[in-house]
Structures are given as C-alpha cells and as structure tokens.
Amino acid sequence: MPFVTASDVAQLHATIDEQQMALDQSVTSCIKAGTLDGSGSLAGDWHRFTARVALYLDDAPSNLRAASQMDTGQQLQRDMHPFYGRLSAAGCSPPPEPAPPPAPQDLFGSAKDILSLVFAVMVLSEFRR
C-alpha cells in the first residue's frame, strides 16, 4: 500500500458515496418500476450493503489510520462491483460501472518476498559472526 493521507481517504469517501448514491437510485427506480421486488434478496442485500457504506463514511478520515481506512474503502468498492451485474441481470439499468480499485496488497507482497527477506537476514547474521 503506498503512503496515504487523510485527504486521500476523504477523496475515497467522496467516490464511494457517489457510487453508492448512483446504485441506490438505480435500485429505487427498479423497485418503483416493478422490475425489482423491494423485499427480494437483491434489494435486501443492497440495503445491508448500504449500511456498511454508511458506517465507513461515518468514520472521519484520519492521518493515523489512513492506510487502514483506505484498505477498508477499497474493499467496499470491490464488494460493490457485483451489484452492477446483479442489477443488470434483474433487468435494471445500473449506472456505468467504474474501474475496480487495485487488488489488495499484504505487508510483504508474496511468499517469495518473505523467503527472500528470511534468506537475507540469515546471510547477514552469518557475516556478523
């Protein structure tokens, strides 16, 4: 994860809020048009998801937790993407689907990187003797 700040998180908040509002409008329009059952699984899943989004957006951007907040927000965006296809499959007209966020990155990148790090530490410890 590259270095992020509270302002990066604030931008992500705005993007997620915009995406969520556009999808919510699509769900609402489909329910009003009778294309989508308001008590069906898709509508229920969407309403539960919007609760997750609301919790995320209520968490004010913080420089101390910016990386964690960015990870959480990007995961929300990844979790939001299937709703575009589900709405289309239900006969609704979802808004244009934005590009997905980058894939999540772990602390060390991959097992190869971890093994390389362990090997380097072992070699350096041998030189210190």
C-alpha atoms as a PDB file:
ATOM      1  CA  MET A   1       0.000   0.000   0.000  1.00  0.00           C
ATOM      2  CA  PRO A   2       1.509   3.335  -0.980  1.00  0.00           C
ATOM      3  CA  PHE A   3       1.617   6.123   1.574  1.00  0.00           C
ATOM      4  CA  VAL A   4      -1.851   7.627   2.023  1.00  0.00           C
ATOM      5  CA  THR A   5      -3.142  10.608   3.967  1.00  0.00           C
ATOM      6  CA  ALA A   6      -6.469  11.689   5.381  1.00  0.00           C
ATOM      7  CA  SER A   7      -7.095  13.717   2.221  1.00  0.00           C
ATOM      8  CA  ASP A   8      -6.712  10.537   0.119  1.00  0.00           C
ATOM      9  CA  VAL A   9      -9.263   8.843   2.355  1.00  0.00           C
ATOM     10  CA  ALA A  10     -11.590  11.850   2.046  1.00  0.00           C
ATOM     11  CA  GLN A  11     -11.400  11.551  -1.756  1.00  0.00           C
ATOM     12  CA  LEU A  12     -12.186   7.848  -1.495  1.00  0.00           C
ATOM     13  CA  HIS A  13     -15.124   8.660   0.791  1.00  0.00           C
ATOM     14  CA  ALA A  14     -16.488  11.014  -1.860  1.00  0.00           C
ATOM     15  CA  THR A  15     -16.047   8.420  -4.612  1.00  0.00           C
ATOM     16  CA  ILE A  16     -17.744   5.667  -2.594  1.00  0.00           C
ATOM     17  CA  ASP A  17     -20.581   7.984  -1.621  1.00  0.00           C
ATOM     18  CA  GLU A  18     -21.095   8.915  -5.277  1.00  0.00           C
ATOM     19  CA  GLN A  19     -21.072   5.261  -6.395  1.00  0.00           C
ATOM     20  CA  GLN A  20     -23.434   4.221  -3.617  1.00  0.00           C
ATOM     21  CA  MET A  21     -25.903   7.024  -4.383  1.00  0.00           C
ATOM     22  CA  ALA A  22     -25.935   6.157  -8.096  1.00  0.00           C
ATOM     23  CA  LEU A  23     -26.557   2.471  -7.393  1.00  0.00           C
ATOM     24  CA  ASP A  24     -29.153   3.329  -4.762  1.00  0.00           C
ATOM     25  CA  GLN A  25     -31.009   5.458  -7.315  1.00  0.00           C
ATOM     26  CA  SER A  26     -30.968   2.528  -9.732  1.00  0.00           C
ATOM     27  CA  VAL A  27     -32.329   0.129  -7.093  1.00  0.00           C
ATOM     28  CA  THR A  28     -35.036   2.616  -6.091  1.00  0.00           C
ATOM     29  CA  SER A  29     -36.039   3.209  -9.714  1.00  0.00           C
ATOM     30  CA  CYS A  30     -36.257  -0.537 -10.364  1.00  0.00           C
ATOM     31  CA  ILE A  31     -38.412  -1.096  -7.294  1.00  0.00           C
ATOM     32  CA  LYS A  32     -40.741   1.770  -8.287  1.00  0.00           C
ATOM     33  CA  ALA A  33     -40.973   0.416 -11.842  1.00  0.00           C
ATOM     34  CA  GLY A  34     -41.846  -3.043 -10.532  1.00  0.00           C
ATOM     35  CA  THR A  35     -38.775  -4.600 -12.139  1.00  0.00           C
ATOM     36  CA  LEU A  36     -37.269  -5.434  -8.772  1.00  0.00           C
ATOM     37  CA  ASP A  37     -39.034  -6.838  -5.721  1.00  0.00           C
ATOM     38  CA  GLY A  38     -38.363  -4.492  -2.798  1.00  0.00           C
ATOM     39  CA  SER A  39     -38.445  -7.403  -0.377  1.00  0.00           C
ATOM     40  CA  GLY A  40     -36.353  -9.724  -2.570  1.00  0.00           C
ATOM     41  CA  SER A  41     -32.821 -10.896  -1.975  1.00  0.00           C
ATOM     42  CA  LEU A  42     -31.135  -8.323  -4.231  1.00  0.00           C
ATOM     43  CA  ALA A  43     -32.871  -5.372  -2.597  1.00  0.00           C
ATOM     44  CA  GLY A  44     -32.185  -6.828   0.855  1.00  0.00           C
ATOM     45  CA  ASP A  45     -28.531  -7.414   0.043  1.00  0.00           C
ATOM     46  CA  TRP A  46     -28.254  -3.877  -1.274  1.00  0.00           C
ATOM     47  CA  HIS A  47     -29.824  -2.328   1.829  1.00  0.00           C
ATOM     48  CA  ARG A  48     -27.488  -4.320   4.093  1.00  0.00           C
ATOM     49  CA  PHE A  49     -24.553  -3.197   1.968  1.00  0.00           C
ATOM     50  CA  THR A  50     -25.580   0.472   2.200  1.00  0.00           C
ATOM     51  CA  ALA A  51     -25.468   0.090   5.991  1.00  0.00           C
ATOM     52  CA  ARG A  52     -21.811  -0.992   5.681  1.00  0.00           C
ATOM     53  CA  VAL A  53     -21.114   2.006   3.452  1.00  0.00           C
ATOM     54  CA  ALA A  54     -22.773   4.359   5.954  1.00  0.00           C
ATOM     55  CA  LEU A  55     -20.592   3.009   8.777  1.00  0.00           C
ATOM     56  CA  TYR A  56     -17.487   3.518   6.671  1.00  0.00           C
ATOM     57  CA  LEU A  57     -18.446   7.048   5.655  1.00  0.00           C
ATOM     58  CA  ASP A  58     -19.214   7.961   9.285  1.00  0.00           C
ATOM     59  CA  ASP A  59     -15.594   7.190  10.205  1.00  0.00           C
ATOM     60  CA  ALA A  60     -13.860  10.546   9.679  1.00  0.00           C
ATOM     61  CA  PRO A  61     -10.593  10.410   7.698  1.00  0.00           C
ATOM     62  CA  SER A  62      -7.564  10.255   9.982  1.00  0.00           C
ATOM     63  CA  ASN A  63      -3.871  10.510   9.196  1.00  0.00           C
ATOM     64  CA  LEU A  64      -3.170   7.971  11.939  1.00  0.00           C
ATOM     65  CA  ARG A  65      -5.450   5.357  10.377  1.00  0.00           C
ATOM     66  CA  ALA A  66      -5.353   6.427   6.728  1.00  0.00           C
ATOM     67  CA  ALA A  67      -3.879   3.187   5.376  1.00  0.00           C
ATOM     68  CA  SER A  68      -6.439   1.060   7.205  1.00  0.00           C
ATOM     69  CA  GLN A  69      -9.283   3.337   6.136  1.00  0.00           C
ATOM     70  CA  MET A  70      -8.057   3.189   2.535  1.00  0.00           C
ATOM     71  CA  ASP A  71      -7.918  -0.619   2.647  1.00  0.00           C
ATOM     72  CA  THR A  72     -11.434  -0.783   4.080  1.00  0.00           C
ATOM     73  CA  GLY A  73     -12.791   1.663   1.495  1.00  0.00           C
ATOM     74  CA  GLN A  74     -11.194  -0.165  -1.413  1.00  0.00           C
ATOM     75  CA  GLN A  75     -12.623  -3.438  -0.144  1.00  0.00           C
ATOM     76  CA  LEU A  76     -16.056  -1.798  -0.043  1.00  0.00           C
ATOM     77  CA  GLN A  77     -15.569  -0.768  -3.669  1.00  0.00           C
ATOM     78  CA  ARG A  78     -14.634  -4.346  -4.602  1.00  0.00           C
ATOM     79  CA  ASP A  79     -17.724  -5.601  -2.730  1.00  0.00           C
ATOM     80  CA  MET A  80     -19.878  -3.032  -4.553  1.00  0.00           C
ATOM     81  CA  HIS A  81     -18.932  -4.206  -8.058  1.00  0.00           C
ATOM     82  CA  PRO A  82     -21.107  -7.352  -8.155  1.00  0.00           C
ATOM     83  CA  PHE A  83     -24.203  -5.200  -7.658  1.00  0.00           C
ATOM     84  CA  TYR A  84     -23.762  -3.709 -11.142  1.00  0.00           C
ATOM     85  CA  GLY A  85     -24.039  -7.148 -12.734  1.00  0.00           C
ATOM     86  CA  ARG A  86     -26.798  -8.281 -10.402  1.00  0.00           C
ATOM     87  CA  LEU A  87     -28.883  -5.223 -11.247  1.00  0.00           C
ATOM     88  CA  SER A  88     -28.347  -5.785 -14.969  1.00  0.00           C
ATOM     89  CA  ALA A  89     -29.326  -9.438 -14.621  1.00  0.00           C
ATOM     90  CA  ALA A  90     -32.515  -8.386 -12.804  1.00  0.00           C
ATOM     91  CA  GLY A  91     -33.495  -6.179 -15.749  1.00  0.00           C
ATOM     92  CA  CYS A  92     -32.475  -2.879 -14.179  1.00  0.00           C
ATOM     93  CA  SER A  93     -30.290  -0.169 -15.655  1.00  0.00           C
ATOM     94  CA  PRO A  94     -27.346   0.326 -13.315  1.00  0.00           C
ATOM     95  CA  PRO A  95     -25.091   3.361 -13.673  1.00  0.00           C
ATOM     96  CA  PRO A  96     -21.845   2.928 -15.613  1.00  0.00           C
ATOM     97  CA  GLU A  97     -19.514   0.652 -13.706  1.00  0.00           C
ATOM     98  CA  PRO A  98     -16.280   2.363 -12.614  1.00  0.00           C
ATOM     99  CA  ALA A  99     -12.925   0.637 -12.778  1.00  0.00           C
ATOM    100  CA  PRO A 100     -12.310  -1.565  -9.738  1.00  0.00           C
ATOM    101  CA  PRO A 101      -9.765  -0.462  -7.149  1.00  0.00           C
ATOM    102  CA  PRO A 102      -6.339  -2.089  -7.157  1.00  0.00           C
ATOM    103  CA  ALA A 103      -6.044  -5.581  -5.729  1.00  0.00           C
ATOM    104  CA  PRO A 104      -5.317  -5.714  -2.018  1.00  0.00           C
ATOM    105  CA  GLN A 105      -1.673  -5.930  -1.030  1.00  0.00           C
ATOM    106  CA  ASP A 106      -0.371  -7.678   2.015  1.00  0.00           C
ATOM    107  CA  LEU A 107       2.500  -6.395   4.113  1.00  0.00           C
ATOM    108  CA  PHE A 108       5.247  -8.386   2.404  1.00  0.00           C
ATOM    109  CA  GLY A 109       3.782  -8.829  -1.068  1.00  0.00           C
ATOM    110  CA  SER A 110       4.181 -12.563  -1.501  1.00  0.00           C
ATOM    111  CA  ALA A 111       5.727 -15.679  -0.052  1.00  0.00           C
ATOM    112  CA  LYS A 112       8.691 -15.215  -2.389  1.00  0.00           C
ATOM    113  CA  ASP A 113       9.399 -11.813  -0.834  1.00  0.00           C
ATOM    114  CA  ILE A 114       9.177 -13.273   2.663  1.00  0.00           C
ATOM    115  CA  LEU A 115      11.581 -16.084   1.802  1.00  0.00           C
ATOM    116  CA  SER A 116      13.992 -13.585   0.248  1.00  0.00           C
ATOM    117  CA  LEU A 117      13.848 -11.478   3.394  1.00  0.00           C
ATOM    118  CA  VAL A 118      14.496 -14.504   5.624  1.00  0.00           C
ATOM    119  CA  PHE A 119      17.422 -15.566   3.436  1.00  0.00           C
ATOM    120  CA  ALA A 120      18.927 -12.061   3.539  1.00  0.00           C
ATOM    121  CA  VAL A 121      18.638 -11.953   7.326  1.00  0.00           C
ATOM    122  CA  MET A 122      20.311 -15.357   7.601  1.00  0.00           C
ATOM    123  CA  VAL A 123      23.180 -14.295   5.330  1.00  0.00           C
ATOM    124  CA  LEU A 124      23.683 -11.038   7.242  1.00  0.00           C
ATOM    125  CA  SER A 125      23.662 -12.851  10.583  1.00  0.00           C
ATOM    126  CA  GLU A 126      26.419 -15.161   9.300  1.00  0.00           C
ATOM    127  CA  PHE A 127      28.579 -12.171   8.352  1.00  0.00           C
ATOM    128  CA  ARG A 128      28.231 -10.690  11.824  1.00  0.00           C
ATOM    129  CA  ARG A 129      29.832 -13.739  13.477  1.00  0.00           C
END
